[in-house]
Amino acid sequence: MEIKNIITRLKQADYKYSEARRIKEELKRRPLSEQFEIVSKLREESRKSDNSDIIDVINDIINDLDKK
């Protein structure tokens, strides 16, 4: 799953946390190594973003995947 696609989906979503939930479910089906890679890239995106709504949902995704 491309990071650009994740970020685009989050930005375009009317209900960001609902979209984040769907993304988390998709990511959980991925191999663990791919999940770690995506979490790393999401952290970078979170630092770059100036949109607090996007940062919040990205952090929600990261926190959920980090529980593993």
PDB file of N, CA and C in Angstrom:
ATOM      1  N   MET A   1       0.849  -1.175   0.000  1.00  0.00           N
ATOM      2  CA  MET A   1       0.000   0.000   0.000  1.00  0.00           C
ATOM      3  C   MET A   1       0.898   1.244   0.000  1.00  0.00           C
ATOM      4  N   GLU A   2       0.622   2.109  -0.894  1.00  0.00           N
ATOM      5  CA  GLU A   2       1.408   3.331  -1.036  1.00  0.00           C
ATOM      6  C   GLU A   2       1.025   4.366   0.011  1.00  0.00           C
ATOM      7  N   ILE A   3       2.019   5.016   0.572  1.00  0.00           N
ATOM      8  CA  ILE A   3       1.787   6.074   1.556  1.00  0.00           C
ATOM      9  C   ILE A   3       0.991   7.214   0.928  1.00  0.00           C
ATOM     10  N   LYS A   4       1.320   7.544  -0.320  1.00  0.00           N
ATOM     11  CA  LYS A   4       0.592   8.625  -1.007  1.00  0.00           C
ATOM     12  C   LYS A   4      -0.899   8.322  -1.051  1.00  0.00           C
ATOM     13  N   ASN A   5      -1.245   7.062  -1.315  1.00  0.00           N
ATOM     14  CA  ASN A   5      -2.656   6.675  -1.370  1.00  0.00           C
ATOM     15  C   ASN A   5      -3.326   6.808  -0.006  1.00  0.00           C
ATOM     16  N   ILE A   6      -2.605   6.419   1.045  1.00  0.00           N
ATOM     17  CA  ILE A   6      -3.155   6.528   2.394  1.00  0.00           C
ATOM     18  C   ILE A   6      -3.429   7.989   2.725  1.00  0.00           C
ATOM     19  N   ILE A   7      -2.451   8.842   2.485  1.00  0.00           N
ATOM     20  CA  ILE A   7      -2.593  10.265   2.800  1.00  0.00           C
ATOM     21  C   ILE A   7      -3.721  10.891   1.972  1.00  0.00           C
ATOM     22  N   THR A   8      -3.787  10.559   0.704  1.00  0.00           N
ATOM     23  CA  THR A   8      -4.847  11.080  -0.166  1.00  0.00           C
ATOM     24  C   THR A   8      -6.219  10.652   0.336  1.00  0.00           C
ATOM     25  N   ARG A   9      -6.341   9.380   0.689  1.00  0.00           N
ATOM     26  CA  ARG A   9      -7.623   8.888   1.205  1.00  0.00           C
ATOM     27  C   ARG A   9      -8.026   9.640   2.462  1.00  0.00           C
ATOM     28  N   LEU A  10      -7.061   9.874   3.352  1.00  0.00           N
ATOM     29  CA  LEU A  10      -7.369  10.586   4.596  1.00  0.00           C
ATOM     30  C   LEU A  10      -7.770  12.033   4.319  1.00  0.00           C
ATOM     31  N   LYS A  11      -7.065  12.685   3.414  1.00  0.00           N
ATOM     32  CA  LYS A  11      -7.370  14.087   3.104  1.00  0.00           C
ATOM     33  C   LYS A  11      -8.738  14.240   2.440  1.00  0.00           C
ATOM     34  N   GLN A  12      -9.104  13.283   1.610  1.00  0.00           N
ATOM     35  CA  GLN A  12     -10.360  13.385   0.871  1.00  0.00           C
ATOM     36  C   GLN A  12     -11.573  12.912   1.668  1.00  0.00           C
ATOM     37  N   ALA A  13     -11.329  12.195   2.748  1.00  0.00           N
ATOM     38  CA  ALA A  13     -12.435  11.619   3.518  1.00  0.00           C
ATOM     39  C   ALA A  13     -13.190  12.688   4.297  1.00  0.00           C
ATOM     40  N   ASP A  14     -14.511  12.574   4.286  1.00  0.00           N
ATOM     41  CA  ASP A  14     -15.332  13.466   5.100  1.00  0.00           C
ATOM     42  C   ASP A  14     -15.239  13.063   6.570  1.00  0.00           C
ATOM     43  N   TYR A  15     -15.170  11.764   6.795  1.00  0.00           N
ATOM     44  CA  TYR A  15     -15.070  11.223   8.152  1.00  0.00           C
ATOM     45  C   TYR A  15     -13.714  10.546   8.289  1.00  0.00           C
ATOM     46  N   LYS A  16     -12.748  11.309   8.737  1.00  0.00           N
ATOM     47  CA  LYS A  16     -11.354  10.880   8.741  1.00  0.00           C
ATOM     48  C   LYS A  16     -11.113   9.646   9.608  1.00  0.00           C
ATOM     49  N   TYR A  17     -11.746   9.587  10.789  1.00  0.00           N
ATOM     50  CA  TYR A  17     -11.516   8.434  11.662  1.00  0.00           C
ATOM     51  C   TYR A  17     -12.155   7.160  11.107  1.00  0.00           C
ATOM     52  N   SER A  18     -13.258   7.306  10.381  1.00  0.00           N
ATOM     53  CA  SER A  18     -13.858   6.133   9.731  1.00  0.00           C
ATOM     54  C   SER A  18     -12.939   5.603   8.640  1.00  0.00           C
ATOM     55  N   GLU A  19     -12.369   6.510   7.877  1.00  0.00           N
ATOM     56  CA  GLU A  19     -11.431   6.112   6.824  1.00  0.00           C
ATOM     57  C   GLU A  19     -10.176   5.517   7.452  1.00  0.00           C
ATOM     58  N   ALA A  20      -9.717   6.094   8.548  1.00  0.00           N
ATOM     59  CA  ALA A  20      -8.535   5.563   9.238  1.00  0.00           C
ATOM     60  C   ALA A  20      -8.802   4.144   9.724  1.00  0.00           C
ATOM     61  N   ARG A  21     -10.003   3.890  10.207  1.00  0.00           N
ATOM     62  CA  ARG A  21     -10.359   2.542  10.656  1.00  0.00           C
ATOM     63  C   ARG A  21     -10.275   1.544   9.501  1.00  0.00           C
ATOM     64  N   ARG A  22     -10.774   1.942   8.338  1.00  0.00           N
ATOM     65  CA  ARG A  22     -10.701   1.062   7.160  1.00  0.00           C
ATOM     66  C   ARG A  22      -9.243   0.818   6.756  1.00  0.00           C
ATOM     67  N   ILE A  23      -8.448   1.863   6.793  1.00  0.00           N
ATOM     68  CA  ILE A  23      -7.026   1.741   6.439  1.00  0.00           C
ATOM     69  C   ILE A  23      -6.326   0.814   7.418  1.00  0.00           C
ATOM     70  N   LYS A  24      -6.620   0.957   8.717  1.00  0.00           N
ATOM     71  CA  LYS A  24      -5.994   0.087   9.722  1.00  0.00           C
ATOM     72  C   LYS A  24      -6.324  -1.376   9.461  1.00  0.00           C
ATOM     73  N   GLU A  25      -7.575  -1.650   9.120  1.00  0.00           N
ATOM     74  CA  GLU A  25      -7.974  -3.027   8.841  1.00  0.00           C
ATOM     75  C   GLU A  25      -7.221  -3.582   7.624  1.00  0.00           C
ATOM     76  N   GLU A  26      -7.065  -2.758   6.605  1.00  0.00           N
ATOM     77  CA  GLU A  26      -6.312  -3.187   5.423  1.00  0.00           C
ATOM     78  C   GLU A  26      -4.848  -3.449   5.783  1.00  0.00           C
ATOM     79  N   LEU A  27      -4.272  -2.573   6.589  1.00  0.00           N
ATOM     80  CA  LEU A  27      -2.864  -2.711   6.955  1.00  0.00           C
ATOM     81  C   LEU A  27      -2.621  -3.926   7.836  1.00  0.00           C
ATOM     82  N   LYS A  28      -3.577  -4.261   8.671  1.00  0.00           N
ATOM     83  CA  LYS A  28      -3.422  -5.420   9.558  1.00  0.00           C
ATOM     84  C   LYS A  28      -3.344  -6.727   8.780  1.00  0.00           C
ATOM     85  N   ARG A  29      -3.850  -6.720   7.570  1.00  0.00           N
ATOM     86  CA  ARG A  29      -3.793  -7.919   6.728  1.00  0.00           C
ATOM     87  C   ARG A  29      -2.461  -8.042   5.988  1.00  0.00           C
ATOM     88  N   ARG A  30      -1.638  -7.018   6.085  1.00  0.00           N
ATOM     89  CA  ARG A  30      -0.334  -7.014   5.424  1.00  0.00           C
ATOM     90  C   ARG A  30       0.699  -7.729   6.292  1.00  0.00           C
ATOM     91  N   PRO A  31       1.789  -8.185   5.685  1.00  0.00           N
ATOM     92  CA  PRO A  31       2.866  -8.791   6.491  1.00  0.00           C
ATOM     93  C   PRO A  31       3.415  -7.780   7.494  1.00  0.00           C
ATOM     94  N   LEU A  32       3.894  -8.301   8.607  1.00  0.00           N
ATOM     95  CA  LEU A  32       4.388  -7.451   9.692  1.00  0.00           C
ATOM     96  C   LEU A  32       5.511  -6.530   9.230  1.00  0.00           C
ATOM     97  N   SER A  33       6.395  -7.031   8.397  1.00  0.00           N
ATOM     98  CA  SER A  33       7.501  -6.200   7.907  1.00  0.00           C
ATOM     99  C   SER A  33       6.984  -5.010   7.110  1.00  0.00           C
ATOM    100  N   GLU A  34       5.951  -5.241   6.320  1.00  0.00           N
ATOM    101  CA  GLU A  34       5.357  -4.149   5.542  1.00  0.00           C
ATOM    102  C   GLU A  34       4.658  -3.155   6.471  1.00  0.00           C
ATOM    103  N   GLN A  35       4.029  -3.655   7.529  1.00  0.00           N
ATOM    104  CA  GLN A  35       3.388  -2.766   8.491  1.00  0.00           C
ATOM    105  C   GLN A  35       4.420  -1.848   9.139  1.00  0.00           C
ATOM    106  N   PHE A  36       5.572  -2.401   9.529  1.00  0.00           N
ATOM    107  CA  PHE A  36       6.621  -1.582  10.140  1.00  0.00           C
ATOM    108  C   PHE A  36       7.103  -0.505   9.179  1.00  0.00           C
ATOM    109  N   GLU A  37       7.250  -0.868   7.921  1.00  0.00           N
ATOM    110  CA  GLU A  37       7.703   0.090   6.910  1.00  0.00           C
ATOM    111  C   GLU A  37       6.674   1.218   6.749  1.00  0.00           C
ATOM    112  N   ILE A  38       5.414   0.862   6.702  1.00  0.00           N
ATOM    113  CA  ILE A  38       4.355   1.848   6.536  1.00  0.00           C
ATOM    114  C   ILE A  38       4.277   2.762   7.759  1.00  0.00           C
ATOM    115  N   VAL A  39       4.398   2.200   8.951  1.00  0.00           N
ATOM    116  CA  VAL A  39       4.380   3.014  10.177  1.00  0.00           C
ATOM    117  C   VAL A  39       5.513   4.026  10.151  1.00  0.00           C
ATOM    118  N   SER A  40       6.671   3.596   9.718  1.00  0.00           N
ATOM    119  CA  SER A  40       7.828   4.494   9.627  1.00  0.00           C
ATOM    120  C   SER A  40       7.544   5.650   8.675  1.00  0.00           C
ATOM    121  N   LYS A  41       6.979   5.339   7.528  1.00  0.00           N
ATOM    122  CA  LYS A  41       6.658   6.377   6.551  1.00  0.00           C
ATOM    123  C   LYS A  41       5.540   7.292   7.044  1.00  0.00           C
ATOM    124  N   LEU A  42       4.592   6.715   7.762  1.00  0.00           N
ATOM    125  CA  LEU A  42       3.514   7.532   8.319  1.00  0.00           C
ATOM    126  C   LEU A  42       4.040   8.507   9.363  1.00  0.00           C
ATOM    127  N   ARG A  43       5.019   8.082  10.147  1.00  0.00           N
ATOM    128  CA  ARG A  43       5.632   8.995  11.123  1.00  0.00           C
ATOM    129  C   ARG A  43       6.260  10.192  10.416  1.00  0.00           C
ATOM    130  N   GLU A  44       6.941   9.927   9.307  1.00  0.00           N
ATOM    131  CA  GLU A  44       7.537  11.017   8.533  1.00  0.00           C
ATOM    132  C   GLU A  44       6.457  11.969   8.032  1.00  0.00           C
ATOM    133  N   GLU A  45       5.386  11.410   7.503  1.00  0.00           N
ATOM    134  CA  GLU A  45       4.291  12.237   6.985  1.00  0.00           C
ATOM    135  C   GLU A  45       3.650  13.062   8.099  1.00  0.00           C
ATOM    136  N   SER A  46       3.536  12.471   9.260  1.00  0.00           N
ATOM    137  CA  SER A  46       2.955  13.175  10.403  1.00  0.00           C
ATOM    138  C   SER A  46       3.804  14.386  10.773  1.00  0.00           C
ATOM    139  N   ARG A  47       5.107  14.238  10.712  1.00  0.00           N
ATOM    140  CA  ARG A  47       6.007  15.353  11.034  1.00  0.00           C
ATOM    141  C   ARG A  47       5.944  16.448   9.976  1.00  0.00           C
ATOM    142  N   LYS A  48       5.743  16.053   8.722  1.00  0.00           N
ATOM    143  CA  LYS A  48       5.724  17.019   7.614  1.00  0.00           C
ATOM    144  C   LYS A  48       4.419  17.812   7.545  1.00  0.00           C
ATOM    145  N   SER A  49       3.337  17.187   7.945  1.00  0.00           N
ATOM    146  CA  SER A  49       2.022  17.773   7.749  1.00  0.00           C
ATOM    147  C   SER A  49       1.793  18.975   8.662  1.00  0.00           C
ATOM    148  N   ASP A  50       1.043  19.940   8.149  1.00  0.00           N
ATOM    149  CA  ASP A  50       0.653  21.081   8.963  1.00  0.00           C
ATOM    150  C   ASP A  50      -0.852  21.047   9.258  1.00  0.00           C
ATOM    151  N   ASN A  51      -1.495  19.966   8.869  1.00  0.00           N
ATOM    152  CA  ASN A  51      -2.927  19.798   9.076  1.00  0.00           C
ATOM    153  C   ASN A  51      -3.138  18.941  10.330  1.00  0.00           C
ATOM    154  N   SER A  52      -3.629  19.537  11.375  1.00  0.00           N
ATOM    155  CA  SER A  52      -3.765  18.825  12.650  1.00  0.00           C
ATOM    156  C   SER A  52      -4.743  17.652  12.568  1.00  0.00           C
ATOM    157  N   ASP A  53      -5.773  17.761  11.736  1.00  0.00           N
ATOM    158  CA  ASP A  53      -6.711  16.644  11.583  1.00  0.00           C
ATOM    159  C   ASP A  53      -6.020  15.430  10.978  1.00  0.00           C
ATOM    160  N   ILE A  54      -5.202  15.665   9.976  1.00  0.00           N
ATOM    161  CA  ILE A  54      -4.468  14.575   9.331  1.00  0.00           C
ATOM    162  C   ILE A  54      -3.444  13.986  10.301  1.00  0.00           C
ATOM    163  N   ILE A  55      -2.756  14.838  11.018  1.00  0.00           N
ATOM    164  CA  ILE A  55      -1.767  14.368  11.997  1.00  0.00           C
ATOM    165  C   ILE A  55      -2.448  13.474  13.035  1.00  0.00           C
ATOM    166  N   ASP A  56      -3.611  13.868  13.498  1.00  0.00           N
ATOM    167  CA  ASP A  56      -4.329  13.083  14.512  1.00  0.00           C
ATOM    168  C   ASP A  56      -4.704  11.695  14.003  1.00  0.00           C
ATOM    169  N   VAL A  57      -5.231  11.621  12.777  1.00  0.00           N
ATOM    170  CA  VAL A  57      -5.629  10.302  12.275  1.00  0.00           C
ATOM    171  C   VAL A  57      -4.413   9.454  11.914  1.00  0.00           C
ATOM    172  N   ILE A  58      -3.355  10.079  11.429  1.00  0.00           N
ATOM    173  CA  ILE A  58      -2.117   9.335  11.158  1.00  0.00           C
ATOM    174  C   ILE A  58      -1.592   8.750  12.472  1.00  0.00           C
ATOM    175  N   ASN A  59      -1.577   9.563  13.519  1.00  0.00           N
ATOM    176  CA  ASN A  59      -1.108   9.075  14.818  1.00  0.00           C
ATOM    177  C   ASN A  59      -1.998   7.964  15.360  1.00  0.00           C
ATOM    178  N   ASP A  60      -3.289   8.043  15.085  1.00  0.00           N
ATOM    179  CA  ASP A  60      -4.211   6.979  15.485  1.00  0.00           C
ATOM    180  C   ASP A  60      -3.845   5.666  14.793  1.00  0.00           C
ATOM    181  N   ILE A  61      -3.564   5.745  13.500  1.00  0.00           N
ATOM    182  CA  ILE A  61      -3.158   4.554  12.741  1.00  0.00           C
ATOM    183  C   ILE A  61      -1.846   4.006  13.293  1.00  0.00           C
ATOM    184  N   ILE A  62      -0.879   4.883  13.507  1.00  0.00           N
ATOM    185  CA  ILE A  62       0.441   4.474  14.023  1.00  0.00           C
ATOM    186  C   ILE A  62       0.286   3.788  15.378  1.00  0.00           C
ATOM    187  N   ASN A  63      -0.468   4.405  16.276  1.00  0.00           N
ATOM    188  CA  ASN A  63      -0.638   3.847  17.617  1.00  0.00           C
ATOM    189  C   ASN A  63      -1.297   2.480  17.581  1.00  0.00           C
ATOM    190  N   ASP A  64      -2.274   2.314  16.708  1.00  0.00           N
ATOM    191  CA  ASP A  64      -2.958   1.032  16.598  1.00  0.00           C
ATOM    192  C   ASP A  64      -2.023  -0.052  16.081  1.00  0.00           C
ATOM    193  N   LEU A  65      -1.223   0.273  15.079  1.00  0.00           N
ATOM    194  CA  LEU A  65      -0.308  -0.718  14.507  1.00  0.00           C
ATOM    195  C   LEU A  65       0.892  -0.990  15.411  1.00  0.00           C
ATOM    196  N   ASP A  66       1.273  -0.013  16.213  1.00  0.00           N
ATOM    197  CA  ASP A  66       2.403  -0.185  17.131  1.00  0.00           C
ATOM    198  C   ASP A  66       2.090  -1.126  18.279  1.00  0.00           C
ATOM    199  N   LYS A  67       0.807  -1.369  18.533  1.00  0.00           N
ATOM    200  CA  LYS A  67       0.415  -2.268  19.621  1.00  0.00           C
ATOM    201  C   LYS A  67       0.925  -3.689  19.391  1.00  0.00           C
ATOM    202  N   LYS A  68       1.168  -4.016  18.140  1.00  0.00           N
ATOM    203  CA  LYS A  68       1.671  -5.350  17.819  1.00  0.00           C
ATOM    204  C   LYS A  68       3.096  -5.407  18.218  1.00  0.00           C
TER     205      LYS A  68
END
